[in-house]
Amino acid sequence: MLRNRVRELRARHDYTQADLAEKIGATRQTVGMIEKADYAPSVVLALRIAAVFRVSLEDVFWLEGEEQPND
């Protein structure tokens, strides 16, 4: 399963789900589903999310069972 730090990063940047959705060209519902790991984003969407937070893709997303990224 794909895990992520989207909620944590979004909170650090003081973005709402709607703010992030607008920045990545998605809906608020999509952001919520990604945060809950109910939806695995496309590579393009995942790259957009990483770019908004100015971190690597691996700092946002990882596969369950792999090492979680460091701060």
N, C-alpha and C. Protein backbone atom coordinates (compact mmCIF):
# COMPACT_ATOMS: atom_id res chain seq x y z
N MET A 1 0.85 -1.18 0.00
CA MET A 1 0.00 0.00 0.00
C MET A 1 0.89 1.24 0.00
N LEU A 2 0.48 2.27 -0.70
CA LEU A 2 1.21 3.52 -0.77
C LEU A 2 0.87 4.38 0.44
N ARG A 3 1.89 4.79 1.16
CA ARG A 3 1.74 5.67 2.33
C ARG A 3 2.23 7.05 1.97
N ASN A 4 1.81 8.06 2.75
CA ASN A 4 2.24 9.41 2.43
C ASN A 4 2.24 10.32 3.65
N ARG A 5 2.87 11.48 3.46
CA ARG A 5 2.95 12.52 4.48
C ARG A 5 2.23 13.78 4.03
N VAL A 6 1.27 13.66 3.15
CA VAL A 6 0.61 14.84 2.59
C VAL A 6 -0.05 15.66 3.68
N ARG A 7 -0.79 15.04 4.57
CA ARG A 7 -1.48 15.78 5.63
C ARG A 7 -0.47 16.54 6.50
N GLU A 8 0.59 15.87 6.88
CA GLU A 8 1.62 16.49 7.71
C GLU A 8 2.27 17.69 6.99
N LEU A 9 2.64 17.51 5.75
CA LEU A 9 3.26 18.59 4.99
C LEU A 9 2.30 19.74 4.75
N ARG A 10 1.06 19.40 4.48
CA ARG A 10 0.04 20.43 4.27
C ARG A 10 -0.13 21.27 5.53
N ALA A 11 -0.16 20.62 6.69
CA ALA A 11 -0.31 21.34 7.96
C ALA A 11 0.90 22.23 8.23
N ARG A 12 2.09 21.74 7.92
CA ARG A 12 3.31 22.54 8.11
C ARG A 12 3.28 23.83 7.29
N HIS A 13 2.67 23.75 6.12
CA HIS A 13 2.60 24.91 5.23
C HIS A 13 1.32 25.71 5.43
N ASP A 14 0.52 25.29 6.40
CA ASP A 14 -0.74 25.97 6.72
C ASP A 14 -1.67 26.06 5.51
N TYR A 15 -1.74 24.95 4.75
CA TYR A 15 -2.65 24.85 3.61
C TYR A 15 -3.87 24.04 4.01
N THR A 16 -5.03 24.45 3.51
CA THR A 16 -6.20 23.59 3.64
C THR A 16 -6.15 22.56 2.51
N GLN A 17 -7.02 21.58 2.57
CA GLN A 17 -7.11 20.63 1.47
C GLN A 17 -7.46 21.37 0.18
N ALA A 18 -8.33 22.36 0.29
CA ALA A 18 -8.73 23.13 -0.90
C ALA A 18 -7.55 23.93 -1.46
N ASP A 19 -6.71 24.48 -0.58
CA ASP A 19 -5.53 25.21 -1.03
C ASP A 19 -4.60 24.30 -1.83
N LEU A 20 -4.31 23.15 -1.28
CA LEU A 20 -3.42 22.21 -1.95
C LEU A 20 -4.04 21.73 -3.26
N ALA A 21 -5.32 21.43 -3.23
CA ALA A 21 -6.01 20.97 -4.44
C ALA A 21 -5.87 21.99 -5.57
N GLU A 22 -6.05 23.25 -5.24
CA GLU A 22 -5.93 24.30 -6.26
C GLU A 22 -4.51 24.35 -6.83
N LYS A 23 -3.52 24.20 -5.97
CA LYS A 23 -2.12 24.28 -6.40
C LYS A 23 -1.72 23.11 -7.30
N ILE A 24 -2.36 21.94 -7.11
CA ILE A 24 -1.98 20.76 -7.90
C ILE A 24 -2.97 20.43 -9.01
N GLY A 25 -4.04 21.20 -9.11
CA GLY A 25 -5.02 20.96 -10.17
C GLY A 25 -5.89 19.75 -9.92
N ALA A 26 -6.30 19.58 -8.66
CA ALA A 26 -7.15 18.45 -8.29
C ALA A 26 -8.32 18.99 -7.46
N THR A 27 -9.16 18.10 -6.99
CA THR A 27 -10.27 18.51 -6.13
C THR A 27 -9.89 18.30 -4.66
N ARG A 28 -10.60 18.99 -3.78
CA ARG A 28 -10.39 18.82 -2.35
C ARG A 28 -10.64 17.38 -1.94
N GLN A 29 -11.64 16.77 -2.57
CA GLN A 29 -11.96 15.38 -2.25
C GLN A 29 -10.79 14.45 -2.61
N THR A 30 -10.13 14.73 -3.72
CA THR A 30 -8.99 13.91 -4.12
C THR A 30 -7.87 14.03 -3.09
N VAL A 31 -7.60 15.25 -2.64
CA VAL A 31 -6.56 15.45 -1.63
C VAL A 31 -6.91 14.67 -0.36
N GLY A 32 -8.16 14.74 0.05
CA GLY A 32 -8.59 13.99 1.24
C GLY A 32 -8.41 12.50 1.08
N MET A 33 -8.74 11.98 -0.09
CA MET A 33 -8.60 10.54 -0.34
C MET A 33 -7.12 10.14 -0.37
N ILE A 34 -6.26 10.99 -0.92
CA ILE A 34 -4.83 10.71 -0.92
C ILE A 34 -4.32 10.67 0.51
N GLU A 35 -4.70 11.64 1.32
CA GLU A 35 -4.25 11.70 2.71
C GLU A 35 -4.66 10.46 3.50
N LYS A 36 -5.82 9.92 3.22
CA LYS A 36 -6.30 8.73 3.92
C LYS A 36 -5.80 7.44 3.29
N ALA A 37 -5.00 7.56 2.22
CA ALA A 37 -4.47 6.40 1.48
C ALA A 37 -5.60 5.59 0.84
N ASP A 38 -6.71 6.26 0.54
CA ASP A 38 -7.81 5.61 -0.18
C ASP A 38 -7.64 5.74 -1.69
N TYR A 39 -6.66 6.54 -2.10
CA TYR A 39 -6.44 6.80 -3.51
C TYR A 39 -4.95 6.99 -3.74
N ALA A 40 -4.40 6.27 -4.71
CA ALA A 40 -3.00 6.43 -5.09
C ALA A 40 -2.95 7.39 -6.27
N PRO A 41 -2.30 8.53 -6.10
CA PRO A 41 -2.27 9.52 -7.17
C PRO A 41 -1.44 9.05 -8.36
N SER A 42 -1.72 9.63 -9.50
CA SER A 42 -0.89 9.36 -10.68
C SER A 42 0.52 9.90 -10.41
N VAL A 43 1.46 9.47 -11.21
CA VAL A 43 2.84 9.96 -11.06
C VAL A 43 2.87 11.47 -11.22
N VAL A 44 2.14 11.99 -12.19
CA VAL A 44 2.12 13.43 -12.43
C VAL A 44 1.58 14.17 -11.21
N LEU A 45 0.48 13.69 -10.65
CA LEU A 45 -0.10 14.34 -9.48
C LEU A 45 0.84 14.23 -8.28
N ALA A 46 1.46 13.09 -8.10
CA ALA A 46 2.41 12.91 -7.00
C ALA A 46 3.59 13.87 -7.15
N LEU A 47 4.08 14.05 -8.36
CA LEU A 47 5.18 14.98 -8.61
C LEU A 47 4.76 16.42 -8.33
N ARG A 48 3.53 16.76 -8.68
CA ARG A 48 3.02 18.11 -8.40
C ARG A 48 2.95 18.36 -6.89
N ILE A 49 2.51 17.36 -6.15
CA ILE A 49 2.43 17.48 -4.69
C ILE A 49 3.82 17.70 -4.11
N ALA A 50 4.78 16.90 -4.52
CA ALA A 50 6.16 17.05 -4.04
C ALA A 50 6.70 18.43 -4.39
N ALA A 51 6.40 18.91 -5.59
CA ALA A 51 6.89 20.22 -6.03
C ALA A 51 6.31 21.35 -5.18
N VAL A 52 5.03 21.26 -4.84
CA VAL A 52 4.41 22.29 -4.00
C VAL A 52 5.15 22.41 -2.68
N PHE A 53 5.53 21.28 -2.11
CA PHE A 53 6.21 21.29 -0.81
C PHE A 53 7.73 21.40 -0.93
N ARG A 54 8.22 21.40 -2.18
CA ARG A 54 9.65 21.52 -2.46
C ARG A 54 10.47 20.45 -1.77
N VAL A 55 9.98 19.21 -1.91
CA VAL A 55 10.67 18.04 -1.39
C VAL A 55 10.69 16.98 -2.48
N SER A 56 11.46 15.94 -2.27
CA SER A 56 11.51 14.86 -3.25
C SER A 56 10.24 14.01 -3.15
N LEU A 57 9.97 13.30 -4.19
CA LEU A 57 8.82 12.40 -4.21
C LEU A 57 8.90 11.39 -3.06
N GLU A 58 10.11 10.91 -2.81
CA GLU A 58 10.32 9.92 -1.75
C GLU A 58 10.10 10.49 -0.35
N ASP A 59 10.17 11.82 -0.22
CA ASP A 59 9.89 12.46 1.07
C ASP A 59 8.39 12.57 1.34
N VAL A 60 7.58 12.34 0.31
CA VAL A 60 6.13 12.43 0.45
C VAL A 60 5.49 11.05 0.44
N PHE A 61 5.92 10.19 -0.47
CA PHE A 61 5.29 8.89 -0.69
C PHE A 61 6.28 7.74 -0.50
N TRP A 62 5.80 6.64 0.06
CA TRP A 62 6.60 5.43 0.18
C TRP A 62 5.67 4.23 0.25
N LEU A 63 6.21 3.07 -0.06
CA LEU A 63 5.42 1.84 0.01
C LEU A 63 5.43 1.30 1.43
N GLU A 64 4.28 0.83 1.88
CA GLU A 64 4.18 0.24 3.20
C GLU A 64 5.21 -0.87 3.32
N GLY A 65 5.88 -0.93 4.44
CA GLY A 65 6.90 -1.93 4.66
C GLY A 65 8.29 -1.42 4.35
N GLU A 66 8.38 -0.29 3.66
CA GLU A 66 9.66 0.34 3.41
C GLU A 66 9.89 1.39 4.49
N GLU A 67 11.12 1.85 4.57
CA GLU A 67 11.47 2.85 5.57
C GLU A 67 10.75 4.16 5.30
N GLN A 68 10.17 4.72 6.35
CA GLN A 68 9.48 6.00 6.23
C GLN A 68 10.51 7.12 6.07
N PRO A 69 10.22 8.13 5.28
CA PRO A 69 11.18 9.21 5.07
C PRO A 69 11.48 9.97 6.36
N ASN A 70 12.67 10.56 6.39
CA ASN A 70 13.08 11.38 7.52
C ASN A 70 12.59 12.79 7.34
N ASP A 71 12.55 13.55 8.43
CA ASP A 71 12.17 14.97 8.35
C ASP A 71 13.22 15.79 7.72
